[in-house]
Amino acid sequence: MSNKPTWVAVCDLAQITPATGVCALVKGRQVAIFRPAEDEQVFAIDNMDPFAQANVLSRGIICQHQDELWVASPLKKQRFNLQTGRCLENEAVAVEAYQARVNKGQVEVQL
């Protein structure tokens, strides 16, 4: 049996409104998936806000800071980088970031 990461289909890209995020259960994990714009670029990070200890990051606001995309937690407002998962306000904290892509109109996440 291989531990090779696999791509998991989550939903149709059309089901994610541009400039928003959604939550998906992927292999038992809550993953926040974001679609920042009208194009096919998507990002995936853990949905758990480590400061509030609540699964809410998918409901956060996508923002840009120094040419990077972030999501601001809806509860305590800390920002997490959509590519790396690192926290802007506290460099000792990060959430898991996952590879995400659109394949034939389907959003896929690699765990």
Protein backbone atom coordinates (compact mmCIF):
# COMPACT_ATOMS: atom_id res chain seq x y z
CA MET A 1 0.00 0.00 0.00
CA SER A 2 1.34 3.40 -1.00
CA ASN A 3 1.29 6.61 1.04
CA LYS A 4 1.36 8.60 -2.19
CA PRO A 5 -0.92 11.66 -1.99
CA THR A 6 -4.02 11.34 -4.12
CA TRP A 7 -6.26 13.90 -5.76
CA VAL A 8 -9.81 13.88 -4.38
CA ALA A 9 -12.67 15.43 -6.37
CA VAL A 10 -14.62 17.82 -4.13
CA CYS A 11 -17.18 19.69 -6.23
CA ASP A 12 -17.82 21.45 -9.53
CA LEU A 13 -15.97 24.76 -9.84
CA ALA A 14 -19.32 26.41 -10.66
CA GLN A 15 -20.53 25.55 -7.14
CA ILE A 16 -18.02 27.98 -5.61
CA THR A 17 -19.00 31.60 -6.08
CA PRO A 18 -15.97 33.73 -7.03
CA ALA A 19 -14.42 35.63 -4.08
CA THR A 20 -15.72 33.08 -1.54
CA GLY A 21 -14.82 29.83 0.15
CA VAL A 22 -16.60 26.59 0.94
CA CYS A 23 -15.94 23.77 3.38
CA ALA A 24 -15.57 20.16 2.24
CA LEU A 25 -15.00 16.95 4.15
CA VAL A 26 -11.99 15.36 2.44
CA LYS A 27 -10.76 12.04 3.80
CA GLY A 28 -12.25 12.90 7.20
CA ARG A 29 -10.74 16.42 7.32
CA GLN A 30 -12.58 19.73 7.09
CA VAL A 31 -10.87 21.61 4.28
CA ALA A 32 -11.59 25.24 3.37
CA ILE A 33 -11.50 25.72 -0.41
CA PHE A 34 -11.27 29.23 -1.85
CA ARG A 35 -11.93 30.65 -5.30
CA PRO A 36 -10.59 34.22 -5.21
CA ALA A 37 -11.68 35.27 -8.72
CA GLU A 38 -13.68 34.29 -11.81
CA ASP A 39 -10.81 32.18 -13.17
CA GLU A 40 -9.95 28.58 -12.25
CA GLN A 41 -7.46 29.34 -9.49
CA VAL A 42 -8.36 27.58 -6.22
CA PHE A 43 -6.67 27.18 -2.84
CA ALA A 44 -7.19 24.76 0.04
CA ILE A 45 -6.26 25.04 3.73
CA ASP A 46 -7.51 23.48 6.97
CA ASN A 47 -10.87 24.90 8.01
CA MET A 48 -9.91 25.02 11.72
CA ASP A 49 -9.08 28.47 13.07
CA PRO A 50 -6.31 27.69 15.59
CA PHE A 51 -7.04 30.82 17.62
CA ALA A 52 -10.80 30.33 17.99
CA GLN A 53 -10.62 26.51 17.90
CA ALA A 54 -13.58 26.51 15.49
CA ASN A 55 -14.02 25.25 11.93
CA VAL A 56 -14.78 28.61 10.34
CA LEU A 57 -11.99 29.65 7.95
CA SER A 58 -14.08 28.77 4.87
CA ARG A 59 -16.42 31.62 5.94
CA GLY A 60 -13.60 34.16 6.10
CA ILE A 61 -13.01 37.12 3.82
CA ILE A 62 -10.40 36.76 1.07
CA CYS A 63 -7.99 39.69 1.07
CA GLN A 64 -4.70 40.69 -0.54
CA HIS A 65 -1.61 41.87 1.33
CA GLN A 66 1.77 42.49 -0.32
CA ASP A 67 0.64 40.72 -3.51
CA GLU A 68 -0.34 37.54 -1.64
CA LEU A 69 -3.82 36.14 -1.01
CA TRP A 70 -5.02 35.61 2.56
CA VAL A 71 -8.22 34.70 4.33
CA ALA A 72 -9.24 36.65 7.43
CA SER A 73 -10.89 34.49 10.07
CA PRO A 74 -14.50 35.55 10.65
CA LEU A 75 -14.05 35.22 14.43
CA LYS A 76 -10.75 36.70 15.57
CA LYS A 77 -9.65 38.25 12.24
CA GLN A 78 -6.18 36.70 12.01
CA ARG A 79 -5.13 36.27 8.38
CA PHE A 80 -3.86 33.00 6.90
CA ASN A 81 -1.94 32.74 3.64
CA LEU A 82 -3.88 30.75 1.06
CA GLN A 83 -0.72 29.17 -0.43
CA THR A 84 1.29 28.38 2.69
CA GLY A 85 -1.18 28.48 5.60
CA ARG A 86 1.05 30.77 7.67
CA CYS A 87 -0.52 33.38 9.92
CA LEU A 88 0.30 37.01 9.16
CA GLU A 89 -0.21 38.22 12.73
CA ASN A 90 1.65 35.40 14.51
CA GLU A 91 4.48 33.70 12.61
CA ALA A 92 4.56 30.82 15.12
CA VAL A 93 1.08 29.71 13.97
CA ALA A 94 0.02 28.13 10.69
CA VAL A 95 -2.71 25.92 9.30
CA GLU A 96 -2.12 23.07 6.89
CA ALA A 97 -2.16 24.10 3.22
CA TYR A 98 -3.03 21.59 0.50
CA GLN A 99 -2.51 21.43 -3.25
CA ALA A 100 -5.74 22.28 -5.11
CA ARG A 101 -6.59 22.37 -8.79
CA VAL A 102 -9.41 22.40 -11.30
CA ASN A 103 -9.51 19.34 -13.54
CA LYS A 104 -12.21 19.22 -16.23
CA GLY A 105 -14.41 21.58 -14.24
CA GLN A 106 -13.97 19.65 -10.97
CA VAL A 107 -12.19 21.10 -7.94
CA GLU A 108 -9.70 18.56 -6.62
CA VAL A 109 -7.62 18.60 -3.43
CA GLN A 110 -4.50 16.57 -2.77
CA LEU A 111 -4.01 15.13 0.71
